[in-house]
């Protein structure tokens, strides 16, 4: 499933800012979108989600970048 998932991620263009696995067995994905509901709808099409066996849980929250090395890039 990982190659199909990564193809899907690559197809998102500029909407996807960052993504990658964590050392805790999960992943972090950062999107630029109007709101959390838009990201929820987008993630519903993720092959890891549609497969039904890969994603056990997810959390989508809004985030306001204030400081940091990447702040000026966003």
C-alpha atoms as a PDB file:
ATOM      1  CA  UNK A   1       0.000   0.000   0.000  1.00  0.00           C
ATOM      2  CA  UNK A   2       2.854   2.430   0.666  1.00  0.00           C
ATOM      3  CA  UNK A   3       3.692   3.084  -3.026  1.00  0.00           C
ATOM      4  CA  UNK A   4       0.023   3.807  -3.820  1.00  0.00           C
ATOM      5  CA  UNK A   5      -0.250   6.048  -0.746  1.00  0.00           C
ATOM      6  CA  UNK A   6       2.865   7.973  -1.753  1.00  0.00           C
ATOM      7  CA  UNK A   7       1.588   8.399  -5.316  1.00  0.00           C
ATOM      8  CA  UNK A   8      -1.616   9.825  -3.873  1.00  0.00           C
ATOM      9  CA  UNK A   9       0.378  12.198  -1.646  1.00  0.00           C
ATOM     10  CA  UNK A  10       2.450  13.336  -4.638  1.00  0.00           C
ATOM     11  CA  UNK A  11      -0.756  14.056  -6.569  1.00  0.00           C
ATOM     12  CA  UNK A  12      -1.828  16.638  -3.964  1.00  0.00           C
ATOM     13  CA  UNK A  13       0.586  19.259  -5.267  1.00  0.00           C
ATOM     14  CA  UNK A  14       0.991  22.388  -3.167  1.00  0.00           C
ATOM     15  CA  UNK A  15      -1.815  21.380  -0.790  1.00  0.00           C
ATOM     16  CA  UNK A  16       0.573  19.008   0.988  1.00  0.00           C
ATOM     17  CA  UNK A  17       3.321  20.941   2.771  1.00  0.00           C
ATOM     18  CA  UNK A  18       5.128  18.101   4.596  1.00  0.00           C
ATOM     19  CA  UNK A  19       4.597  14.421   5.305  1.00  0.00           C
ATOM     20  CA  UNK A  20       6.485  11.550   6.827  1.00  0.00           C
ATOM     21  CA  UNK A  21       6.457   8.702   9.317  1.00  0.00           C
ATOM     22  CA  UNK A  22       7.108   9.198  13.029  1.00  0.00           C
ATOM     23  CA  UNK A  23       9.266   7.052  15.278  1.00  0.00           C
ATOM     24  CA  UNK A  24       6.080   6.122  17.166  1.00  0.00           C
ATOM     25  CA  UNK A  25       4.559   4.155  14.281  1.00  0.00           C
ATOM     26  CA  UNK A  26       2.385   6.962  12.954  1.00  0.00           C
ATOM     27  CA  UNK A  27       2.820   9.863  10.572  1.00  0.00           C
ATOM     28  CA  UNK A  28       2.525  13.633  10.441  1.00  0.00           C
ATOM     29  CA  UNK A  29       1.041  15.361   7.420  1.00  0.00           C
ATOM     30  CA  UNK A  30       0.849  19.145   7.141  1.00  0.00           C
ATOM     31  CA  UNK A  31      -1.592  20.635   4.638  1.00  0.00           C
ATOM     32  CA  UNK A  32      -2.468  24.138   3.527  1.00  0.00           C
ATOM     33  CA  UNK A  33      -6.247  24.284   3.380  1.00  0.00           C
ATOM     34  CA  UNK A  34      -9.182  26.542   4.203  1.00  0.00           C
ATOM     35  CA  UNK A  35     -10.129  24.541   7.295  1.00  0.00           C
ATOM     36  CA  UNK A  36      -9.863  21.193   9.065  1.00  0.00           C
ATOM     37  CA  UNK A  37     -13.043  19.921   7.388  1.00  0.00           C
ATOM     38  CA  UNK A  38     -11.403  20.352   3.979  1.00  0.00           C
ATOM     39  CA  UNK A  39      -8.456  18.252   5.115  1.00  0.00           C
ATOM     40  CA  UNK A  40     -10.771  15.588   6.576  1.00  0.00           C
ATOM     41  CA  UNK A  41     -12.507  15.299   3.197  1.00  0.00           C
ATOM     42  CA  UNK A  42      -9.163  15.100   1.411  1.00  0.00           C
ATOM     43  CA  UNK A  43      -7.875  12.392   3.763  1.00  0.00           C
ATOM     44  CA  UNK A  44     -10.985  10.292   3.159  1.00  0.00           C
ATOM     45  CA  UNK A  45      -9.510   9.572  -0.304  1.00  0.00           C
ATOM     46  CA  UNK A  46      -6.097   8.466   1.040  1.00  0.00           C
ATOM     47  CA  UNK A  47      -5.459   4.852  -0.030  1.00  0.00           C
ATOM     48  CA  UNK A  48      -4.273   4.141   3.526  1.00  0.00           C
ATOM     49  CA  UNK A  49      -7.791   5.139   4.658  1.00  0.00           C
ATOM     50  CA  UNK A  50      -9.834   3.583   1.851  1.00  0.00           C
ATOM     51  CA  UNK A  51      -8.015   0.265   2.304  1.00  0.00           C
ATOM     52  CA  UNK A  52      -9.499   0.069   5.795  1.00  0.00           C
ATOM     53  CA  UNK A  53      -6.535  -1.758   7.313  1.00  0.00           C
ATOM     54  CA  UNK A  54      -3.801   0.848   7.659  1.00  0.00           C
ATOM     55  CA  UNK A  55      -5.138   3.914   9.490  1.00  0.00           C
ATOM     56  CA  UNK A  56      -6.426   3.042  12.956  1.00  0.00           C
ATOM     57  CA  UNK A  57      -7.059   6.644  14.032  1.00  0.00           C
ATOM     58  CA  UNK A  58      -6.419  10.167  12.856  1.00  0.00           C
ATOM     59  CA  UNK A  59      -6.646  13.659  14.246  1.00  0.00           C
ATOM     60  CA  UNK A  60      -7.028  16.795  12.140  1.00  0.00           C
ATOM     61  CA  UNK A  61      -6.500  20.164  13.799  1.00  0.00           C
ATOM     62  CA  UNK A  62      -5.955  23.696  12.600  1.00  0.00           C
ATOM     63  CA  UNK A  63      -2.541  25.225  13.178  1.00  0.00           C
ATOM     64  CA  UNK A  64      -1.343  28.820  13.058  1.00  0.00           C
ATOM     65  CA  UNK A  65       2.364  29.046  12.333  1.00  0.00           C
ATOM     66  CA  UNK A  66       3.934  31.923  14.267  1.00  0.00           C
ATOM     67  CA  UNK A  67       7.679  31.336  14.572  1.00  0.00           C
ATOM     68  CA  UNK A  68      10.362  28.998  13.347  1.00  0.00           C
ATOM     69  CA  UNK A  69      12.597  28.288  10.431  1.00  0.00           C
ATOM     70  CA  UNK A  70       9.722  27.395   8.079  1.00  0.00           C
ATOM     71  CA  UNK A  71       7.337  30.149   9.212  1.00  0.00           C
ATOM     72  CA  UNK A  72       8.357  32.541   6.445  1.00  0.00           C
ATOM     73  CA  UNK A  73       7.889  29.832   3.818  1.00  0.00           C
ATOM     74  CA  UNK A  74       4.229  29.271   4.699  1.00  0.00           C
END
